[in-house]
């Protein structure tokens, strides 16, 4: 994946590869040693997003390996 500044991800809309808008980026988690992205936390648009793990506060936790790219949307598998 291309290098992207974390600040450019703030509040970016997130879309699945099926074209469904999942929500917006809430936060990210990174490995502090390597600087690699670990996961993206997404505030869900709907309650019917079952394929991703959720945090205690209801955000979706999308592993970094499922991020396909960043443009107008953050695209995930």
C-alpha atoms as a PDB file:
ATOM      1  CA  UNK A   1       0.000   0.000   0.000  1.00  0.00           C
ATOM      2  CA  UNK A   2       1.125   3.530  -0.725  1.00  0.00           C
ATOM      3  CA  UNK A   3       2.364   5.756   2.101  1.00  0.00           C
ATOM      4  CA  UNK A   4      -0.482   7.929   3.409  1.00  0.00           C
ATOM      5  CA  UNK A   5      -0.399  10.526   6.164  1.00  0.00           C
ATOM      6  CA  UNK A   6      -2.666   9.532   9.046  1.00  0.00           C
ATOM      7  CA  UNK A   7      -4.109  13.050   9.125  1.00  0.00           C
ATOM      8  CA  UNK A   8      -5.549  12.545   5.623  1.00  0.00           C
ATOM      9  CA  UNK A   9      -7.635   9.626   6.900  1.00  0.00           C
ATOM     10  CA  UNK A  10      -9.485  11.610   9.559  1.00  0.00           C
ATOM     11  CA  UNK A  11     -13.259  11.464   8.907  1.00  0.00           C
ATOM     12  CA  UNK A  12     -12.685   9.902   5.451  1.00  0.00           C
ATOM     13  CA  UNK A  13     -15.675   7.871   4.239  1.00  0.00           C
ATOM     14  CA  UNK A  14     -15.116   4.101   4.136  1.00  0.00           C
ATOM     15  CA  UNK A  15     -16.541   1.900   1.389  1.00  0.00           C
ATOM     16  CA  UNK A  16     -16.539  -1.870   1.005  1.00  0.00           C
ATOM     17  CA  UNK A  17     -15.464  -3.562  -2.209  1.00  0.00           C
ATOM     18  CA  UNK A  18     -19.165  -4.293  -2.784  1.00  0.00           C
ATOM     19  CA  UNK A  19     -19.855  -0.534  -3.054  1.00  0.00           C
ATOM     20  CA  UNK A  20     -21.581  -0.252   0.324  1.00  0.00           C
ATOM     21  CA  UNK A  21     -20.645   2.800   2.390  1.00  0.00           C
ATOM     22  CA  UNK A  22     -19.626   1.473   5.803  1.00  0.00           C
ATOM     23  CA  UNK A  23     -19.102   4.722   7.702  1.00  0.00           C
ATOM     24  CA  UNK A  24     -16.274   7.166   8.405  1.00  0.00           C
ATOM     25  CA  UNK A  25     -12.779   6.779   9.822  1.00  0.00           C
ATOM     26  CA  UNK A  26     -12.857   7.436  13.557  1.00  0.00           C
ATOM     27  CA  UNK A  27      -9.280   6.550  14.464  1.00  0.00           C
ATOM     28  CA  UNK A  28      -6.379   4.302  13.492  1.00  0.00           C
ATOM     29  CA  UNK A  29      -4.091   1.984  15.423  1.00  0.00           C
ATOM     30  CA  UNK A  30      -0.433   1.644  14.541  1.00  0.00           C
ATOM     31  CA  UNK A  31       2.549  -0.412  15.653  1.00  0.00           C
ATOM     32  CA  UNK A  32       4.640   2.171  17.512  1.00  0.00           C
ATOM     33  CA  UNK A  33       7.870   0.319  16.791  1.00  0.00           C
ATOM     34  CA  UNK A  34       7.501  -0.105  13.023  1.00  0.00           C
ATOM     35  CA  UNK A  35       4.998   2.666  12.246  1.00  0.00           C
ATOM     36  CA  UNK A  36       2.852   0.203  10.304  1.00  0.00           C
ATOM     37  CA  UNK A  37      -0.909   0.535  10.275  1.00  0.00           C
ATOM     38  CA  UNK A  38      -2.594  -2.212  12.318  1.00  0.00           C
ATOM     39  CA  UNK A  39      -6.269  -1.338  11.996  1.00  0.00           C
ATOM     40  CA  UNK A  40      -8.741   1.377  11.126  1.00  0.00           C
ATOM     41  CA  UNK A  41     -11.572   2.195  13.521  1.00  0.00           C
ATOM     42  CA  UNK A  42     -14.720   3.217  11.677  1.00  0.00           C
ATOM     43  CA  UNK A  43     -17.869   4.867  12.999  1.00  0.00           C
ATOM     44  CA  UNK A  44     -20.516   2.750  11.245  1.00  0.00           C
ATOM     45  CA  UNK A  45     -23.132   4.338   9.017  1.00  0.00           C
ATOM     46  CA  UNK A  46     -25.653   1.554   9.723  1.00  0.00           C
ATOM     47  CA  UNK A  47     -26.034  -1.099  12.384  1.00  0.00           C
ATOM     48  CA  UNK A  48     -26.149  -3.894   9.805  1.00  0.00           C
ATOM     49  CA  UNK A  49     -22.379  -4.267   9.244  1.00  0.00           C
ATOM     50  CA  UNK A  50     -21.756  -7.750  10.648  1.00  0.00           C
ATOM     51  CA  UNK A  51     -18.595  -8.870   8.920  1.00  0.00           C
ATOM     52  CA  UNK A  52     -16.199  -6.779  11.015  1.00  0.00           C
ATOM     53  CA  UNK A  53     -15.241  -6.979  14.669  1.00  0.00           C
ATOM     54  CA  UNK A  54     -16.588  -4.089  16.751  1.00  0.00           C
ATOM     55  CA  UNK A  55     -15.033  -2.240  19.656  1.00  0.00           C
ATOM     56  CA  UNK A  56     -16.779  -1.779  23.020  1.00  0.00           C
ATOM     57  CA  UNK A  57     -18.016   1.635  21.884  1.00  0.00           C
ATOM     58  CA  UNK A  58     -19.538   0.276  18.651  1.00  0.00           C
ATOM     59  CA  UNK A  59     -16.852   1.219  16.124  1.00  0.00           C
ATOM     60  CA  UNK A  60     -15.829  -1.270  13.453  1.00  0.00           C
ATOM     61  CA  UNK A  61     -12.254  -2.556  13.690  1.00  0.00           C
ATOM     62  CA  UNK A  62     -10.981  -3.151  10.160  1.00  0.00           C
ATOM     63  CA  UNK A  63      -7.572  -4.878   9.975  1.00  0.00           C
ATOM     64  CA  UNK A  64      -4.980  -3.105   7.841  1.00  0.00           C
ATOM     65  CA  UNK A  65      -4.634  -6.078   5.490  1.00  0.00           C
ATOM     66  CA  UNK A  66      -8.243  -5.488   4.370  1.00  0.00           C
ATOM     67  CA  UNK A  67      -7.546  -1.897   3.279  1.00  0.00           C
ATOM     68  CA  UNK A  68      -7.332  -1.878  -0.517  1.00  0.00           C
ATOM     69  CA  UNK A  69      -6.650   1.784  -1.206  1.00  0.00           C
ATOM     70  CA  UNK A  70      -7.330   5.428  -0.449  1.00  0.00           C
ATOM     71  CA  UNK A  71      -8.827   8.008  -2.767  1.00  0.00           C
ATOM     72  CA  UNK A  72     -12.134   9.781  -2.209  1.00  0.00           C
ATOM     73  CA  UNK A  73     -12.992   6.782   0.003  1.00  0.00           C
ATOM     74  CA  UNK A  74     -10.960   4.371   2.077  1.00  0.00           C
ATOM     75  CA  UNK A  75     -11.677   1.114   0.228  1.00  0.00           C
ATOM     76  CA  UNK A  76     -11.787  -2.155   2.183  1.00  0.00           C
ATOM     77  CA  UNK A  77     -12.401  -5.822   1.283  1.00  0.00           C
END
